[in-house]
Amino acid sequence: MKSPYFAIPDRNPHSVNDAVVYDSNRGPWPTRSDGLLSVMFALDQDTLTHIMQPDPHELSLVPNLRLGVRIFHLSNLAPGRIGGQHFHRVKEEIIVLTEGSVEYLLEDVYGGQRVVLMDGLTRGLYIPSFIRHTYTVRDSAKLLGVSNTLYDPEDKSTYDTFGDETFQMLRRHYIK
């Protein structure tokens, strides 16, 4: 089996143009029970289908990776902190800002870059596979995320996170 660290994808990877900025944190609206309803994010059928049906070749490179739905929360993000700085071969993420402001730098293997400023509670971000993402916290922030993979934090064979060495190798392959 090929190492996932240096394998060239069977299909062309996503570009930064495939990342989608969308409205989030809609509402609140009154409910019949006198409560309030807020929608953190809403995905259309095509996006949801794409997220839940990853490339079988890429999935085979991380054999212990399990598909599913994982909701995670990032808190205590102080101004100036930098996170991410990686990409995923299978994992796709939906990020919703719940407090503060964060700037994302998205990069693809073709040399493309895109900056997305999440500075209000009305923006979300869909990050497809093969997009290197780095975030910089502008104001103390909290993020809510949803991904299509599960993992065991104590078992690195379940990870689908790759750093600069792998990303730069792929870039050299795609940028001639």
Foldseek 3Di string as FASTA:
>chain_A
DDALLADADPDDDDFPVPKDKAWAFDDFDADPVRDTDTGGDDDDPVVVVDQQDFDPVLCVNLVQWAWDKDKDKDAPQAAFDKDQQWFFQRKKKKKFWPDAKKKKWKGALQGDIDIDIDGDRTIMMIGGGRIRIMMGGHHRTMMMMMMGIDADPVDCSNDGIYHDVSSPSSSVVNHD
